[in-house]
C-alpha atoms as a PDB file:
ATOM      1  CA  GLN A   1     -10.857   5.848 -13.578  1.00  0.00           C
ATOM      2  CA  VAL A   2      -7.267   5.487 -12.199  1.00  0.00           C
ATOM      3  CA  GLN A   3      -4.916   2.625 -13.504  1.00  0.00           C
ATOM      4  CA  LEU A   4      -2.893   1.570 -10.591  1.00  0.00           C
ATOM      5  CA  VAL A   5       0.582  -0.595 -11.115  1.00  0.00           C
ATOM      6  CA  GLU A   6       2.520  -1.762  -8.273  1.00  0.00           C
ATOM      7  CA  SER A   7       6.074  -2.483  -8.401  1.00  0.00           C
ATOM      8  CA  GLY A   8       9.108  -3.628  -5.981  1.00  0.00           C
ATOM      9  CA  GLY A   9       8.021  -6.836  -5.065  1.00  0.00           C
ATOM     10  CA  GLY A  10      10.444  -9.657  -5.063  1.00  0.00           C
ATOM     11  CA  LEU A  11      12.347 -12.448  -2.884  1.00  0.00           C
ATOM     12  CA  VAL A  12      13.850 -10.971   0.384  1.00  0.00           C
ATOM     13  CA  GLN A  13      15.355 -12.805   3.385  1.00  0.00           C
ATOM     14  CA  ALA A  14      14.236 -12.045   6.940  1.00  0.00           C
ATOM     15  CA  GLY A  15      14.961  -9.054   8.404  1.00  0.00           C
ATOM     16  CA  GLY A  16      15.701  -7.213   5.112  1.00  0.00           C
ATOM     17  CA  SER A  17      14.003  -4.238   3.450  1.00  0.00           C
ATOM     18  CA  LEU A  18      11.606  -3.776  -0.046  1.00  0.00           C
ATOM     19  CA  ARG A  19      10.062  -0.732  -0.889  1.00  0.00           C
ATOM     20  CA  LEU A  20       7.123  -1.028  -3.172  1.00  0.00           C
ATOM     21  CA  SER A  21       5.533   1.915  -5.735  1.00  0.00           C
ATOM     22  CA  CYS A  22       2.568   2.178  -6.669  1.00  0.00           C
ATOM     23  CA  ALA A  23       2.078   4.635 -10.105  1.00  0.00           C
ATOM     24  CA  ALA A  24      -1.384   5.936 -10.905  1.00  0.00           C
ATOM     25  CA  SER A  25      -2.320   7.105 -14.681  1.00  0.00           C
ATOM     26  CA  GLY A  26      -5.414   7.879 -16.135  1.00  0.00           C
ATOM     27  CA  ARG A  27      -5.739  10.523 -13.778  1.00  0.00           C
ATOM     28  CA  THR A  28      -4.205  12.213 -10.574  1.00  0.00           C
ATOM     29  CA  PHE A  29      -4.903  11.073  -6.871  1.00  0.00           C
ATOM     30  CA  SER A  30      -3.813  13.937  -5.440  1.00  0.00           C
ATOM     31  CA  ARG A  31      -7.308  14.173  -3.667  1.00  0.00           C
ATOM     32  CA  ASN A  32      -7.933  10.400  -2.788  1.00  0.00           C
ATOM     33  CA  ALA A  33      -6.780   8.539   0.028  1.00  0.00           C
ATOM     34  CA  LEU A  34      -4.119   5.720  -0.629  1.00  0.00           C
ATOM     35  CA  GLY A  35      -4.041   2.487   1.126  1.00  0.00           C
ATOM     36  CA  TRP A  36      -1.896  -0.463   0.997  1.00  0.00           C
ATOM     37  CA  PHE A  37      -3.713  -4.044   1.084  1.00  0.00           C
ATOM     38  CA  ARG A  38      -1.870  -7.840   1.019  1.00  0.00           C
ATOM     39  CA  GLN A  39      -3.436 -11.230   0.856  1.00  0.00           C
ATOM     40  CA  ALA A  40      -1.318 -14.618   1.511  1.00  0.00           C
ATOM     41  CA  PRO A  41      -2.517 -17.433   0.180  1.00  0.00           C
ATOM     42  CA  GLY A  42      -5.665 -19.249   1.745  1.00  0.00           C
ATOM     43  CA  LYS A  43      -6.193 -16.101   3.429  1.00  0.00           C
ATOM     44  CA  GLU A  44      -8.561 -12.984   2.752  1.00  0.00           C
ATOM     45  CA  ARG A  45      -7.284  -9.598   2.065  1.00  0.00           C
ATOM     46  CA  GLU A  46      -6.260  -7.194   5.113  1.00  0.00           C
ATOM     47  CA  PHE A  47      -5.377  -3.879   5.353  1.00  0.00           C
ATOM     48  CA  VAL A  48      -1.772  -2.785   5.801  1.00  0.00           C
ATOM     49  CA  ALA A  49      -1.494   0.897   5.628  1.00  0.00           C
ATOM     50  CA  ALA A  50      -3.100   3.848   4.464  1.00  0.00           C
ATOM     51  CA  ILE A  51      -2.719   7.772   3.738  1.00  0.00           C
ATOM     52  CA  SER A  52      -4.747  10.631   3.545  1.00  0.00           C
ATOM     53  CA  TRP A  53      -4.277  13.452   0.507  1.00  0.00           C
ATOM     54  CA  SER A  54      -3.711  16.529   2.479  1.00  0.00           C
ATOM     55  CA  ASP A  55      -2.358  16.467   5.669  1.00  0.00           C
ATOM     56  CA  LEU A  56      -0.868  12.965   4.925  1.00  0.00           C
ATOM     57  CA  ARG A  57      -2.407  11.352   8.097  1.00  0.00           C
ATOM     58  CA  THR A  58      -1.206   7.765   8.089  1.00  0.00           C
ATOM     59  CA  ILE A  59      -2.379   4.457   9.759  1.00  0.00           C
ATOM     60  CA  TYR A  60      -0.829   1.164  10.055  1.00  0.00           C
ATOM     61  CA  SER A  61      -1.942  -2.239  11.041  1.00  0.00           C
ATOM     62  CA  ASP A  62      -0.718  -3.535  14.489  1.00  0.00           C
ATOM     63  CA  SER A  63       1.211  -6.452  12.496  1.00  0.00           C
ATOM     64  CA  VAL A  64       3.050  -3.651  10.492  1.00  0.00           C
ATOM     65  CA  LYS A  65       3.595  -0.914  12.876  1.00  0.00           C
ATOM     66  CA  GLY A  66       6.895   0.456  13.416  1.00  0.00           C
ATOM     67  CA  ARG A  67       8.051  -1.644  10.397  1.00  0.00           C
ATOM     68  CA  PHE A  68       6.323   0.040   7.633  1.00  0.00           C
ATOM     69  CA  THR A  69       6.253   3.410   6.387  1.00  0.00           C
ATOM     70  CA  ILE A  70       3.598   4.669   3.766  1.00  0.00           C
ATOM     71  CA  TYR A  71       4.129   7.910   1.763  1.00  0.00           C
ATOM     72  CA  ARG A  72       3.321   9.601  -1.347  1.00  0.00           C
ATOM     73  CA  ASP A  73       4.649  12.214  -3.980  1.00  0.00           C
ATOM     74  CA  ASN A  74       1.346  13.708  -5.276  1.00  0.00           C
ATOM     75  CA  ALA A  75       3.732  15.497  -7.974  1.00  0.00           C
ATOM     76  CA  LYS A  76       4.770  12.133  -9.258  1.00  0.00           C
ATOM     77  CA  ASN A  77       1.419  10.586  -8.978  1.00  0.00           C
ATOM     78  CA  THR A  78       2.948   7.877  -6.894  1.00  0.00           C
ATOM     79  CA  ALA A  79       2.827   5.919  -3.533  1.00  0.00           C
ATOM     80  CA  TYR A  80       5.240   3.577  -2.177  1.00  0.00           C
ATOM     81  CA  LEU A  81       5.328   1.412   1.284  1.00  0.00           C
ATOM     82  CA  GLN A  82       8.835   1.110   2.510  1.00  0.00           C
ATOM     83  CA  MET A  83       9.168  -2.385   4.186  1.00  0.00           C
ATOM     84  CA  ASN A  84      11.824  -2.680   6.895  1.00  0.00           C
ATOM     85  CA  SER A  85      12.437  -5.943   9.218  1.00  0.00           C
ATOM     86  CA  LEU A  86      10.334  -8.228   7.001  1.00  0.00           C
ATOM     87  CA  LYS A  87       9.091 -11.189   8.528  1.00  0.00           C
ATOM     88  CA  PRO A  88       8.116 -14.743   6.698  1.00  0.00           C
ATOM     89  CA  GLU A  89       4.551 -13.812   7.636  1.00  0.00           C
ATOM     90  CA  ASP A  90       4.444 -10.880   5.519  1.00  0.00           C
ATOM     91  CA  THR A  91       4.526 -13.122   2.439  1.00  0.00           C
ATOM     92  CA  ALA A  92       1.885 -11.878   0.564  1.00  0.00           C
ATOM     93  CA  VAL A  93       0.391 -10.554  -2.772  1.00  0.00           C
ATOM     94  CA  TYR A  94       0.558  -6.489  -2.279  1.00  0.00           C
ATOM     95  CA  TYR A  95      -2.120  -4.205  -3.611  1.00  0.00           C
ATOM     96  CA  CYS A  96      -2.296  -0.479  -3.619  1.00  0.00           C
ATOM     97  CA  ALA A  97      -5.433   0.926  -3.954  1.00  0.00           C
ATOM     98  CA  THR A  98      -7.365   4.544  -3.838  1.00  0.00           C
ATOM     99  CA  THR A  99     -10.622   5.952  -2.816  1.00  0.00           C
ATOM    100  CA  GLY A 100     -12.641   8.295  -4.833  1.00  0.00           C
ATOM    101  CA  THR A 101     -12.584  12.074  -3.935  1.00  0.00           C
ATOM    102  CA  ALA A 102     -11.627  11.934  -0.050  1.00  0.00           C
ATOM    103  CA  LEU A 103     -11.849  14.545   2.837  1.00  0.00           C
ATOM    104  CA  PRO A 104      -8.637  16.025   3.170  1.00  0.00           C
ATOM    105  CA  SER A 105      -7.888  13.537   6.293  1.00  0.00           C
ATOM    106  CA  TRP A 106      -9.320  10.715   5.756  1.00  0.00           C
ATOM    107  CA  ALA A 107      -7.236   7.347   5.648  1.00  0.00           C
ATOM    108  CA  PRO A 108      -9.459   4.689   5.514  1.00  0.00           C
ATOM    109  CA  SER A 109      -8.447   0.922   6.348  1.00  0.00           C
ATOM    110  CA  GLY A 110     -11.833  -0.765   5.205  1.00  0.00           C
ATOM    111  CA  SER A 111     -11.354  -2.372   1.771  1.00  0.00           C
ATOM    112  CA  SER A 112     -14.586  -1.288   0.644  1.00  0.00           C
ATOM    113  CA  GLU A 113     -13.862   2.224   0.950  1.00  0.00           C
ATOM    114  CA  TYR A 114     -11.441   2.116  -2.039  1.00  0.00           C
ATOM    115  CA  ASP A 115     -12.832   1.860  -5.732  1.00  0.00           C
ATOM    116  CA  SER A 116      -9.542   1.595  -8.024  1.00  0.00           C
ATOM    117  CA  TRP A 117      -7.046  -1.301  -7.255  1.00  0.00           C
ATOM    118  CA  GLY A 118      -3.534  -2.435  -8.836  1.00  0.00           C
ATOM    119  CA  GLN A 119      -3.055  -5.752 -10.059  1.00  0.00           C
ATOM    120  CA  GLY A 120      -0.737  -6.854  -6.728  1.00  0.00           C
ATOM    121  CA  THR A 121       3.058  -7.314  -6.567  1.00  0.00           C
ATOM    122  CA  GLN A 122       4.543 -10.623  -5.115  1.00  0.00           C
ATOM    123  CA  VAL A 123       6.699 -10.155  -1.934  1.00  0.00           C
ATOM    124  CA  THR A 124       8.200 -13.379  -0.490  1.00  0.00           C
ATOM    125  CA  VAL A 125      10.300 -13.070   2.877  1.00  0.00           C
ATOM    126  CA  SER A 126      12.607 -16.347   3.707  1.00  0.00           C
ATOM    127  CA  SER A 127      13.431 -17.591   7.000  1.00  0.00           C
END
């Protein structure tokens, strides 16, 4: 089982940037897809972005496309979410997650496809 720890959250003004990190331990995730999800107060957890392990194919939710970038460094066993042009509606707890061993180009958006989750990091965007 892999353990995931997110970091990099905080308070930022609208229009600002943050970079979230997701560090894995216990096993490598070099052959696993990675995803970021978020959950705002009173709302369900929603998909943000995902990246495959081989060809680094990425997908994004419409709400963050063009503002957020997901990438990974398999040598460091770490994934990242660069968030630019942040909006108050981006305020949420952000979670990273990994799938089991995956097809090379698989980058799923469904939370049920992921079997390991971090504890989350709070991102608050003030207006």
